PDB file of N, CA and C in Angstrom:
ATOM      1  N   MET A   1     116.480 105.237 124.535  1.00  0.00           N
ATOM      2  CA  MET A   1     115.532 104.356 123.877  1.00  0.00           C
ATOM      3  C   MET A   1     115.378 104.713 122.407  1.00  0.00           C
ATOM      4  N   ARG A   2     115.414 106.040 122.131  1.00  0.00           N
ATOM      5  CA  ARG A   2     115.263 106.470 120.751  1.00  0.00           C
ATOM      6  C   ARG A   2     116.423 106.020 119.884  1.00  0.00           C
ATOM      7  N   VAL A   3     117.620 106.017 120.450  1.00  0.00           N
ATOM      8  CA  VAL A   3     118.800 105.619 119.688  1.00  0.00           C
ATOM      9  C   VAL A   3     118.714 104.134 119.333  1.00  0.00           C
ATOM     10  N   VAL A   4     118.276 103.319 120.279  1.00  0.00           N
ATOM     11  CA  VAL A   4     118.140 101.884 120.026  1.00  0.00           C
ATOM     12  C   VAL A   4     117.083 101.636 118.953  1.00  0.00           C
ATOM     13  N   SER A   5     115.984 102.367 119.012  1.00  0.00           N
ATOM     14  CA  SER A   5     114.940 102.217 117.998  1.00  0.00           C
ATOM     15  C   SER A   5     115.439 102.623 116.623  1.00  0.00           C
ATOM     16  N   ARG A   6     116.232 103.674 116.564  1.00  0.00           N
ATOM     17  CA  ARG A   6     116.776 104.104 115.275  1.00  0.00           C
ATOM     18  C   ARG A   6     117.764 103.095 114.710  1.00  0.00           C
ATOM     19  N   ILE A   7     118.574 102.518 115.577  1.00  0.00           N
ATOM     20  CA  ILE A   7     119.533 101.505 115.114  1.00  0.00           C
ATOM     21  C   ILE A   7     118.798 100.263 114.619  1.00  0.00           C
ATOM     22  N   LEU A   8     117.803  99.828 115.375  1.00  0.00           N
ATOM     23  CA  LEU A   8     117.009  98.671 114.938  1.00  0.00           C
ATOM     24  C   LEU A   8     116.266  98.973 113.638  1.00  0.00           C
ATOM     25  N   ALA A   9     115.761 100.188 113.496  1.00  0.00           N
ATOM     26  CA  ALA A   9     115.064 100.575 112.267  1.00  0.00           C
ATOM     27  C   ALA A   9     116.018 100.519 111.082  1.00  0.00           C
ATOM     28  N   ALA A  10     117.222 101.024 111.251  1.00  0.00           N
ATOM     29  CA  ALA A  10     118.196 100.989 110.160  1.00  0.00           C
ATOM     30  C   ALA A  10     118.566  99.559 109.797  1.00  0.00           C
ATOM     31  N   ALA A  11     118.730  98.702 110.792  1.00  0.00           N
ATOM     32  CA  ALA A  11     119.097  97.316 110.526  1.00  0.00           C
ATOM     33  C   ALA A  11     117.965  96.574 109.805  1.00  0.00           C
ATOM     34  N   PHE A  12     116.734  96.737 110.285  1.00  0.00           N
ATOM     35  CA  PHE A  12     115.611  96.057 109.650  1.00  0.00           C
ATOM     36  C   PHE A  12     115.352  96.587 108.241  1.00  0.00           C
ATOM     37  N   LEU A  13     115.471  97.887 108.053  1.00  0.00           N
ATOM     38  CA  LEU A  13     115.258  98.440 106.718  1.00  0.00           C
ATOM     39  C   LEU A  13     116.368  98.025 105.761  1.00  0.00           C
ATOM     40  N   ALA A  14     117.594  97.933 106.242  1.00  0.00           N
ATOM     41  CA  ALA A  14     118.687  97.464 105.387  1.00  0.00           C
ATOM     42  C   ALA A  14     118.472  96.002 104.989  1.00  0.00           C
ATOM     43  N   LEU A  15     118.057  95.176 105.938  1.00  0.00           N
ATOM     44  CA  LEU A  15     117.765  93.778 105.619  1.00  0.00           C
ATOM     45  C   LEU A  15     116.607  93.671 104.644  1.00  0.00           C
ATOM     46  N   SER A  16     115.630  94.543 104.787  1.00  0.00           N
ATOM     47  CA  SER A  16     114.494  94.545 103.870  1.00  0.00           C
ATOM     48  C   SER A  16     114.934  94.887 102.452  1.00  0.00           C
ATOM     49  N   VAL A  17     115.832  95.846 102.325  1.00  0.00           N
ATOM     50  CA  VAL A  17     116.330  96.216 100.993  1.00  0.00           C
ATOM     51  C   VAL A  17     117.135  95.067 100.387  1.00  0.00           C
ATOM     52  N   VAL A  18     117.921  94.384 101.196  1.00  0.00           N
ATOM     53  CA  VAL A  18     118.697  93.237 100.702  1.00  0.00           C
ATOM     54  C   VAL A  18     117.766  92.142 100.181  1.00  0.00           C
ATOM     55  N   LEU A  19     116.719  91.846 100.945  1.00  0.00           N
ATOM     56  CA  LEU A  19     115.762  90.826 100.507  1.00  0.00           C
ATOM     57  C   LEU A  19     114.992  91.270  99.273  1.00  0.00           C
ATOM     58  N   LEU A  20     114.699  92.559  99.162  1.00  0.00           N
ATOM     59  CA  LEU A  20     114.004  93.075  97.979  1.00  0.00           C
ATOM     60  C   LEU A  20     114.890  92.978  96.752  1.00  0.00           C
ATOM     61  N   VAL A  21     116.168  93.264  96.888  1.00  0.00           N
ATOM     62  CA  VAL A  21     117.089  93.137  95.763  1.00  0.00           C
ATOM     63  C   VAL A  21     117.235  91.680  95.351  1.00  0.00           C
ATOM     64  N   ALA A  22     117.277  90.780  96.335  1.00  0.00           N
ATOM     65  CA  ALA A  22     117.366  89.350  96.004  1.00  0.00           C
ATOM     66  C   ALA A  22     116.127  88.883  95.248  1.00  0.00           C
ATOM     67  N   ASP A  23     114.956  89.313  95.694  1.00  0.00           N
ATOM     68  CA  ASP A  23     113.729  88.958  94.974  1.00  0.00           C
ATOM     69  C   ASP A  23     113.679  89.633  93.611  1.00  0.00           C
ATOM     70  N   GLY A  24     114.206  90.840  93.514  1.00  0.00           N
ATOM     71  CA  GLY A  24     114.231  91.531  92.229  1.00  0.00           C
ATOM     72  C   GLY A  24     115.108  90.838  91.209  1.00  0.00           C
ATOM     73  N   THR A  25     116.257  90.351  91.632  1.00  0.00           N
ATOM     74  CA  THR A  25     117.109  89.621  90.698  1.00  0.00           C
ATOM     75  C   THR A  25     116.474  88.287  90.311  1.00  0.00           C
ATOM     76  N   ALA A  26     115.782  87.658  91.240  1.00  0.00           N
ATOM     77  CA  ALA A  26     115.073  86.420  90.908  1.00  0.00           C
ATOM     78  C   ALA A  26     113.939  86.696  89.932  1.00  0.00           C
ATOM     79  N   MET A  27     113.282  87.852  90.075  1.00  0.00           N
ATOM     80  CA  MET A  27     112.224  88.223  89.133  1.00  0.00           C
ATOM     81  C   MET A  27     112.779  88.461  87.742  1.00  0.00           C
ATOM     82  N   LEU A  28     113.924  89.107  87.668  1.00  0.00           N
ATOM     83  CA  LEU A  28     114.539  89.339  86.360  1.00  0.00           C
ATOM     84  C   LEU A  28     114.984  88.036  85.716  1.00  0.00           C
ATOM     85  N   ALA A  29     115.502  87.120  86.504  1.00  0.00           N
ATOM     86  CA  ALA A  29     115.964  85.846  85.960  1.00  0.00           C
ATOM     87  C   ALA A  29     114.799  84.976  85.509  1.00  0.00           C
ATOM     88  N   ALA A  30     113.706  85.001  86.259  1.00  0.00           N
ATOM     89  CA  ALA A  30     112.563  84.147  85.936  1.00  0.00           C
ATOM     90  C   ALA A  30     111.593  84.821  84.972  1.00  0.00           C
ATOM     91  N   ASN A  31     111.739  86.117  84.794  1.00  0.00           N
ATOM     92  CA  ASN A  31     110.829  86.898  83.953  1.00  0.00           C
ATOM     93  C   ASN A  31     109.382  86.736  84.426  1.00  0.00           C
ATOM     94  N   ALA A  32     109.214  86.679  85.725  1.00  0.00           N
ATOM     95  CA  ALA A  32     107.897  86.547  86.351  1.00  0.00           C
ATOM     96  C   ALA A  32     108.006  87.098  87.771  1.00  0.00           C
ATOM     97  N   PHE A  33     106.852  87.257  88.406  1.00  0.00           N
ATOM     98  CA  PHE A  33     106.845  87.755  89.785  1.00  0.00           C
ATOM     99  C   PHE A  33     107.319  86.670  90.732  1.00  0.00           C
ATOM    100  N   VAL A  34     108.321  86.985  91.517  1.00  0.00           N
ATOM    101  CA  VAL A  34     108.861  86.055  92.507  1.00  0.00           C
ATOM    102  C   VAL A  34     108.903  86.771  93.851  1.00  0.00           C
ATOM    103  N   ALA A  35     108.261  86.201  94.837  1.00  0.00           N
ATOM    104  CA  ALA A  35     108.295  86.742  96.194  1.00  0.00           C
ATOM    105  C   ALA A  35     108.648  85.609  97.144  1.00  0.00           C
ATOM    106  N   THR A  36     109.811  85.698  97.738  1.00  0.00           N
ATOM    107  CA  THR A  36     110.256  84.663  98.662  1.00  0.00           C
ATOM    108  C   THR A  36     109.548  84.849  99.997  1.00  0.00           C
ATOM    109  N   PRO A  37     108.822  83.841 100.465  1.00  0.00           N
ATOM    110  CA  PRO A  37     108.134  83.969 101.756  1.00  0.00           C
ATOM    111  C   PRO A  37     109.129  84.098 102.909  1.00  0.00           C
ATOM    112  N   LEU A  38     108.681  84.742 103.954  1.00  0.00           N
ATOM    113  CA  LEU A  38     109.525  84.932 105.129  1.00  0.00           C
ATOM    114  C   LEU A  38     109.930  83.595 105.742  1.00  0.00           C
ATOM    115  N   ALA A  39     109.059  82.616 105.669  1.00  0.00           N
ATOM    116  CA  ALA A  39     109.366  81.298 106.249  1.00  0.00           C
ATOM    117  C   ALA A  39     110.560  80.647 105.559  1.00  0.00           C
ATOM    118  N   SER A  40     110.627  80.738 104.247  1.00  0.00           N
ATOM    119  CA  SER A  40     111.768  80.116 103.554  1.00  0.00           C
ATOM    120  C   SER A  40     113.054  80.899 103.790  1.00  0.00           C
ATOM    121  N   THR A  41     112.950  82.203 103.972  1.00  0.00           N
ATOM    122  CA  THR A  41     114.136  82.995 104.287  1.00  0.00           C
ATOM    123  C   THR A  41     114.673  82.623 105.668  1.00  0.00           C
ATOM    124  N   ILE A  42     113.779  82.509 106.637  1.00  0.00           N
ATOM    125  CA  ILE A  42     114.196  82.122 107.987  1.00  0.00           C
ATOM    126  C   ILE A  42     114.740  80.701 107.992  1.00  0.00           C
ATOM    127  N   ALA A  43     114.090  79.806 107.232  1.00  0.00           N
ATOM    128  CA  ALA A  43     114.546  78.411 107.189  1.00  0.00           C
ATOM    129  C   ALA A  43     115.925  78.291 106.546  1.00  0.00           C
ATOM    130  N   SER A  44     116.225  79.138 105.565  1.00  0.00           N
ATOM    131  CA  SER A  44     117.549  79.060 104.941  1.00  0.00           C
ATOM    132  C   SER A  44     118.630  79.694 105.808  1.00  0.00           C
ATOM    133  N   LEU A  45     118.279  80.737 106.564  1.00  0.00           N
ATOM    134  CA  LEU A  45     119.270  81.376 107.421  1.00  0.00           C
ATOM    135  C   LEU A  45     119.472  80.638 108.737  1.00  0.00           C
ATOM    136  N   PHE A  46     118.386  80.185 109.331  1.00  0.00           N
ATOM    137  CA  PHE A  46     118.433  79.508 110.636  1.00  0.00           C
ATOM    138  C   PHE A  46     117.653  78.198 110.557  1.00  0.00           C
ATOM    139  N   PRO A  47     118.276  77.117 110.100  1.00  0.00           N
ATOM    140  CA  PRO A  47     117.546  75.845 109.973  1.00  0.00           C
ATOM    141  C   PRO A  47     117.078  75.321 111.335  1.00  0.00           C
ATOM    142  N   GLY A  48     115.850  74.827 111.357  1.00  0.00           N
ATOM    143  CA  GLY A  48     115.293  74.253 112.571  1.00  0.00           C
ATOM    144  C   GLY A  48     114.635  75.252 113.501  1.00  0.00           C
ATOM    145  N   THR A  49     114.742  76.524 113.181  1.00  0.00           N
ATOM    146  CA  THR A  49     114.189  77.545 114.075  1.00  0.00           C
ATOM    147  C   THR A  49     112.672  77.560 114.047  1.00  0.00           C
ATOM    148  N   LEU A  50     112.097  77.440 112.861  1.00  0.00           N
ATOM    149  CA  LEU A  50     110.643  77.537 112.756  1.00  0.00           C
ATOM    150  C   LEU A  50     109.927  76.416 113.497  1.00  0.00           C
ATOM    151  N   GLU A  51     110.495  75.231 113.474  1.00  0.00           N
ATOM    152  CA  GLU A  51     109.872  74.112 114.181  1.00  0.00           C
ATOM    153  C   GLU A  51     109.890  74.342 115.688  1.00  0.00           C
ATOM    154  N   SER A  52     111.013  74.831 116.195  1.00  0.00           N
ATOM    155  CA  SER A  52     111.095  75.076 117.632  1.00  0.00           C
ATOM    156  C   SER A  52     110.213  76.251 118.053  1.00  0.00           C
ATOM    157  N   VAL A  53     110.105  77.270 117.207  1.00  0.00           N
ATOM    158  CA  VAL A  53     109.217  78.396 117.519  1.00  0.00           C
ATOM    159  C   VAL A  53     107.765  77.939 117.486  1.00  0.00           C
ATOM    160  N   GLU A  54     107.432  77.075 116.535  1.00  0.00           N
ATOM    161  CA  GLU A  54     106.063  76.553 116.457  1.00  0.00           C
ATOM    162  C   GLU A  54     105.697  75.779 117.719  1.00  0.00           C
ATOM    163  N   LEU A  55     106.591  74.918 118.153  1.00  0.00           N
ATOM    164  CA  LEU A  55     106.326  74.153 119.379  1.00  0.00           C
ATOM    165  C   LEU A  55     106.231  75.064 120.597  1.00  0.00           C
ATOM    166  N   ALA A  56     107.099  76.072 120.667  1.00  0.00           N
ATOM    167  CA  ALA A  56     107.071  76.984 121.816  1.00  0.00           C
ATOM    168  C   ALA A  56     105.790  77.800 121.847  1.00  0.00           C
ATOM    169  N   VAL A  57     105.335  78.257 120.688  1.00  0.00           N
ATOM    170  CA  VAL A  57     104.110  79.058 120.644  1.00  0.00           C
ATOM    171  C   VAL A  57     102.903  78.201 120.988  1.00  0.00           C
ATOM    172  N   GLN A  58     102.846  76.997 120.431  1.00  0.00           N
ATOM    173  CA  GLN A  58     101.692  76.141 120.680  1.00  0.00           C
ATOM    174  C   GLN A  58     101.656  75.623 122.115  1.00  0.00           C
ATOM    175  N   ASP A  59     102.817  75.392 122.715  1.00  0.00           N
ATOM    176  CA  ASP A  59     102.845  74.887 124.087  1.00  0.00           C
ATOM    177  C   ASP A  59     102.669  76.000 125.123  1.00  0.00           C
ATOM    178  N   ASN A  60     103.337  77.115 124.932  1.00  0.00           N
ATOM    179  CA  ASN A  60     103.341  78.162 125.958  1.00  0.00           C
ATOM    180  C   ASN A  60     102.264  79.218 125.766  1.00  0.00           C
ATOM    181  N   LEU A  61     101.880  79.464 124.530  1.00  0.00           N
ATOM    182  CA  LEU A  61     100.833  80.448 124.265  1.00  0.00           C
ATOM    183  C   LEU A  61      99.585  79.702 123.825  1.00  0.00           C
ATOM    184  N   HIS A  62      98.950  80.161 122.796  1.00  0.00           N
ATOM    185  CA  HIS A  62      97.726  79.513 122.321  1.00  0.00           C
ATOM    186  C   HIS A  62      97.966  78.933 120.934  1.00  0.00           C
ATOM    187  N   PRO A  63      97.461  77.718 120.644  1.00  0.00           N
ATOM    188  CA  PRO A  63      97.671  77.130 119.311  1.00  0.00           C
ATOM    189  C   PRO A  63      97.081  77.965 118.178  1.00  0.00           C
ATOM    190  N   LEU A  64      96.037  78.727 118.454  1.00  0.00           N
ATOM    191  CA  LEU A  64      95.449  79.562 117.407  1.00  0.00           C
ATOM    192  C   LEU A  64      96.347  80.728 117.023  1.00  0.00           C
ATOM    193  N   LEU A  65      97.278  81.072 117.879  1.00  0.00           N
ATOM    194  CA  LEU A  65      98.212  82.135 117.533  1.00  0.00           C
ATOM    195  C   LEU A  65      99.152  81.687 116.431  1.00  0.00           C
ATOM    196  N   TRP A  66      99.513  80.410 116.423  1.00  0.00           N
ATOM    197  CA  TRP A  66     100.430  79.925 115.391  1.00  0.00           C
ATOM    198  C   TRP A  66      99.717  79.710 114.064  1.00  0.00           C
ATOM    199  N   GLU A  67      98.646  78.927 114.070  1.00  0.00           N
ATOM    200  CA  GLU A  67      98.064  78.466 112.811  1.00  0.00           C
ATOM    201  C   GLU A  67      97.484  79.581 111.944  1.00  0.00           C
ATOM    202  N   PRO A  68      96.515  80.338 112.339  1.00  0.00           N
ATOM    203  CA  PRO A  68      96.056  81.324 111.362  1.00  0.00           C
ATOM    204  C   PRO A  68      96.901  82.594 111.331  1.00  0.00           C
ATOM    205  N   THR A  69      97.490  82.974 112.466  1.00  0.00           N
ATOM    206  CA  THR A  69      98.144  84.283 112.524  1.00  0.00           C
ATOM    207  C   THR A  69      99.579  84.239 112.023  1.00  0.00           C
ATOM    208  N   LEU A  70     100.421  83.486 112.693  1.00  0.00           N
ATOM    209  CA  LEU A  70     101.835  83.497 112.345  1.00  0.00           C
ATOM    210  C   LEU A  70     102.123  82.791 111.022  1.00  0.00           C
ATOM    211  N   THR A  71     101.365  81.776 110.676  1.00  0.00           N
ATOM    212  CA  THR A  71     101.592  81.131 109.377  1.00  0.00           C
ATOM    213  C   THR A  71     101.222  82.058 108.225  1.00  0.00           C
ATOM    214  N   THR A  72     100.215  82.886 108.417  1.00  0.00           N
ATOM    215  CA  THR A  72      99.877  83.887 107.399  1.00  0.00           C
ATOM    216  C   THR A  72     100.990  84.909 107.269  1.00  0.00           C
ATOM    217  N   LEU A  73     101.523  85.350 108.389  1.00  0.00           N
ATOM    218  CA  LEU A  73     102.617  86.316 108.376  1.00  0.00           C
ATOM    219  C   LEU A  73     103.868  85.723 107.743  1.00  0.00           C
ATOM    220  N   LEU A  74     104.133  84.453 107.998  1.00  0.00           N
ATOM    221  CA  LEU A  74     105.306  83.796 107.418  1.00  0.00           C
ATOM    222  C   LEU A  74     105.148  83.509 105.932  1.00  0.00           C
ATOM    223  N   ALA A  75     103.937  83.545 105.422  1.00  0.00           N
ATOM    224  CA  ALA A  75     103.707  83.316 104.000  1.00  0.00           C
ATOM    225  C   ALA A  75     103.895  84.587 103.169  1.00  0.00           C
ATOM    226  N   TRP A  76     103.896  85.746 103.811  1.00  0.00           N
ATOM    227  CA  TRP A  76     104.087  87.007 103.100  1.00  0.00           C
ATOM    228  C   TRP A  76     105.542  87.165 102.695  1.00  0.00           C
ATOM    229  N   PRO A  77     105.820  88.028 101.715  1.00  0.00           N
ATOM    230  CA  PRO A  77     107.225  88.255 101.313  1.00  0.00           C
ATOM    231  C   PRO A  77     108.051  88.789 102.480  1.00  0.00           C
ATOM    232  N   GLY A  78     109.251  88.282 102.593  1.00  0.00           N
ATOM    233  CA  GLY A  78     110.114  88.650 103.711  1.00  0.00           C
ATOM    234  C   GLY A  78     110.469  90.119 103.728  1.00  0.00           C
ATOM    235  N   TRP A  79     110.695  90.708 102.551  1.00  0.00           N
ATOM    236  CA  TRP A  79     111.065  92.120 102.510  1.00  0.00           C
ATOM    237  C   TRP A  79     109.928  93.006 103.002  1.00  0.00           C
ATOM    238  N   ALA A  80     108.689  92.590 102.780  1.00  0.00           N
ATOM    239  CA  ALA A  80     107.550  93.407 103.213  1.00  0.00           C
ATOM    240  C   ALA A  80     107.382  93.344 104.732  1.00  0.00           C
ATOM    241  N   VAL A  81     107.477  92.155 105.293  1.00  0.00           N
ATOM    242  CA  VAL A  81     107.293  91.995 106.742  1.00  0.00           C
ATOM    243  C   VAL A  81     108.410  92.702 107.504  1.00  0.00           C
ATOM    244  N   ILE A  82     109.640  92.488 107.073  1.00  0.00           N
ATOM    245  CA  ILE A  82     110.771  93.102 107.767  1.00  0.00           C
ATOM    246  C   ILE A  82     110.781  94.611 107.543  1.00  0.00           C
ATOM    247  N   GLY A  83     110.336  95.051 106.374  1.00  0.00           N
ATOM    248  CA  GLY A  83     110.244  96.482 106.112  1.00  0.00           C
ATOM    249  C   GLY A  83     109.227  97.170 107.001  1.00  0.00           C
ATOM    250  N   VAL A  84     108.094  96.526 107.225  1.00  0.00           N
ATOM    251  CA  VAL A  84     107.074  97.104 108.110  1.00  0.00           C
ATOM    252  C   VAL A  84     107.592  97.169 109.547  1.00  0.00           C
ATOM    253  N   ILE A  85     108.301  96.141 109.979  1.00  0.00           N
ATOM    254  CA  ILE A  85     108.893  96.165 111.323  1.00  0.00           C
ATOM    255  C   ILE A  85     109.905  97.307 111.424  1.00  0.00           C
ATOM    256  N   GLY A  86     110.707  97.490 110.379  1.00  0.00           N
ATOM    257  CA  GLY A  86     111.665  98.597 110.366  1.00  0.00           C
ATOM    258  C   GLY A  86     110.987  99.948 110.403  1.00  0.00           C
ATOM    259  N   LEU A  87     109.883 100.097 109.678  1.00  0.00           N
ATOM    260  CA  LEU A  87     109.150 101.363 109.707  1.00  0.00           C
ATOM    261  C   LEU A  87     108.553 101.636 111.086  1.00  0.00           C
ATOM    262  N   LEU A  88     108.079 100.575 111.746  1.00  0.00           N
ATOM    263  CA  LEU A  88     107.547 100.762 113.100  1.00  0.00           C
ATOM    264  C   LEU A  88     108.636 101.207 114.071  1.00  0.00           C
ATOM    265  N   PHE A  89     109.830 100.624 113.956  1.00  0.00           N
ATOM    266  CA  PHE A  89     110.941 101.068 114.796  1.00  0.00           C
ATOM    267  C   PHE A  89     111.344 102.501 114.454  1.00  0.00           C
ATOM    268  N   ALA A  90     111.276 102.866 113.173  1.00  0.00           N
ATOM    269  CA  ALA A  90     111.604 104.238 112.784  1.00  0.00           C
ATOM    270  C   ALA A  90     110.601 105.223 113.366  1.00  0.00           C
ATOM    271  N   LEU A  91     109.335 104.849 113.395  1.00  0.00           N
ATOM    272  CA  LEU A  91     108.333 105.720 113.999  1.00  0.00           C
ATOM    273  C   LEU A  91     108.533 105.848 115.506  1.00  0.00           C
ATOM    274  N   LEU A  92     108.942 104.751 116.143  1.00  0.00           N
ATOM    275  CA  LEU A  92     109.207 104.811 117.583  1.00  0.00           C
ATOM    276  C   LEU A  92     110.435 105.663 117.902  1.00  0.00           C
ATOM    277  N   GLY A  93     111.386 105.688 117.000  1.00  0.00           N
ATOM    278  CA  GLY A  93     112.629 106.406 117.255  1.00  0.00           C
ATOM    279  C   GLY A  93     112.682 107.806 116.726  1.00  0.00           C
ATOM    280  N   ARG A  94     111.610 108.285 116.147  1.00  0.00           N
ATOM    281  CA  ARG A  94     111.657 109.640 115.594  1.00  0.00           C
ATOM    282  C   ARG A  94     111.680 110.671 116.713  1.00  0.00           C
ATOM    283  N   SER A  95     112.251 111.802 116.376  1.00  0.00           N
ATOM    284  CA  SER A  95     112.340 112.865 117.372  1.00  0.00           C
ATOM    285  C   SER A  95     111.041 113.659 117.396  1.00  0.00           C
ATOM    286  N   GLN A  96     110.852 114.329 118.494  1.00  0.00           N
ATOM    287  CA  GLN A  96     109.655 115.145 118.621  1.00  0.00           C
ATOM    288  C   GLN A  96     109.774 116.326 117.673  1.00  0.00           C
ATOM    289  N   SER A  97     108.796 116.493 116.817  1.00  0.00           N
ATOM    290  CA  SER A  97     108.846 117.597 115.868  1.00  0.00           C
ATOM    291  C   SER A  97     108.285 118.855 116.530  1.00  0.00           C
ATOM    292  N   ARG A  98     108.940 119.927 116.281  1.00  0.00           N
ATOM    293  CA  ARG A  98     108.471 121.200 116.800  1.00  0.00           C
ATOM    294  C   ARG A  98     107.736 121.903 115.680  1.00  0.00           C
ATOM    295  N   ARG A  99     106.485 122.023 115.839  1.00  0.00           N
ATOM    296  CA  ARG A  99     105.669 122.657 114.819  1.00  0.00           C
ATOM    297  C   ARG A  99     105.570 124.142 115.129  1.00  0.00           C
ATOM    298  N   ARG A 100     105.837 124.895 114.106  1.00  0.00           N
ATOM    299  CA  ARG A 100     105.724 126.329 114.269  1.00  0.00           C
ATOM    300  C   ARG A 100     104.359 126.757 113.783  1.00  0.00           C
ATOM    301  N   LEU A 101     103.676 127.412 114.638  1.00  0.00           N
ATOM    302  CA  LEU A 101     102.361 127.898 114.271  1.00  0.00           C
ATOM    303  C   LEU A 101     102.518 129.226 113.531  1.00  0.00           C
ATOM    304  N   VAL A 102     101.924 129.305 112.403  1.00  0.00           N
ATOM    305  CA  VAL A 102     102.005 130.512 111.596  1.00  0.00           C
ATOM    306  C   VAL A 102     100.650 131.169 111.613  1.00  0.00           C
ATOM    307  N   SER A 103     100.633 132.413 111.959  1.00  0.00           N
ATOM    308  CA  SER A 103      99.380 133.125 111.970  1.00  0.00           C
ATOM    309  C   SER A 103      99.125 133.777 110.612  1.00  0.00           C
ATOM    310  N   ILE A 104      97.935 134.156 110.377  1.00  0.00           N
ATOM    311  CA  ILE A 104      97.574 134.760 109.103  1.00  0.00           C
ATOM    312  C   ILE A 104      98.246 136.123 108.938  1.00  0.00           C
ATOM    313  N   ASP A 105      98.562 136.787 110.034  1.00  0.00           N
ATOM    314  CA  ASP A 105      99.164 138.120 109.968  1.00  0.00           C
ATOM    315  C   ASP A 105     100.595 138.093 109.418  1.00  0.00           C
ATOM    316  N   GLN A 106     101.255 136.969 109.454  1.00  0.00           N
ATOM    317  CA  GLN A 106     102.631 136.894 108.983  1.00  0.00           C
ATOM    318  C   GLN A 106     102.736 136.826 107.473  1.00  0.00           C
ATOM    319  N   PHE A 107     101.650 136.603 106.777  1.00  0.00           N
ATOM    320  CA  PHE A 107     101.704 136.507 105.304  1.00  0.00           C
ATOM    321  C   PHE A 107     101.610 137.813 104.675  1.00  0.00           C
TER     322      PHE A 107
END
């Protein structure tokens, strides 16, 4: 399970860096702050997906889950949302740290 989490973390973090570089070049070209929302990134990569996900969420789950929650998440910059998901997978995949207890007598 840890290996899968680490692989997913690397993939999500790499995608986050790619989206950050794309927004960075757009910022340099526009000479202003540019943040591409996650919704437009998904719409450009997978056309028609957001509409079908919206219908599935509203029909199978609760309509309030789509409107205030997921639309807010889709309005945030894509690199930030995907980066946070990657960090969560990295935390899930980290190894158990062995902490060495140091006593005062060792100093």
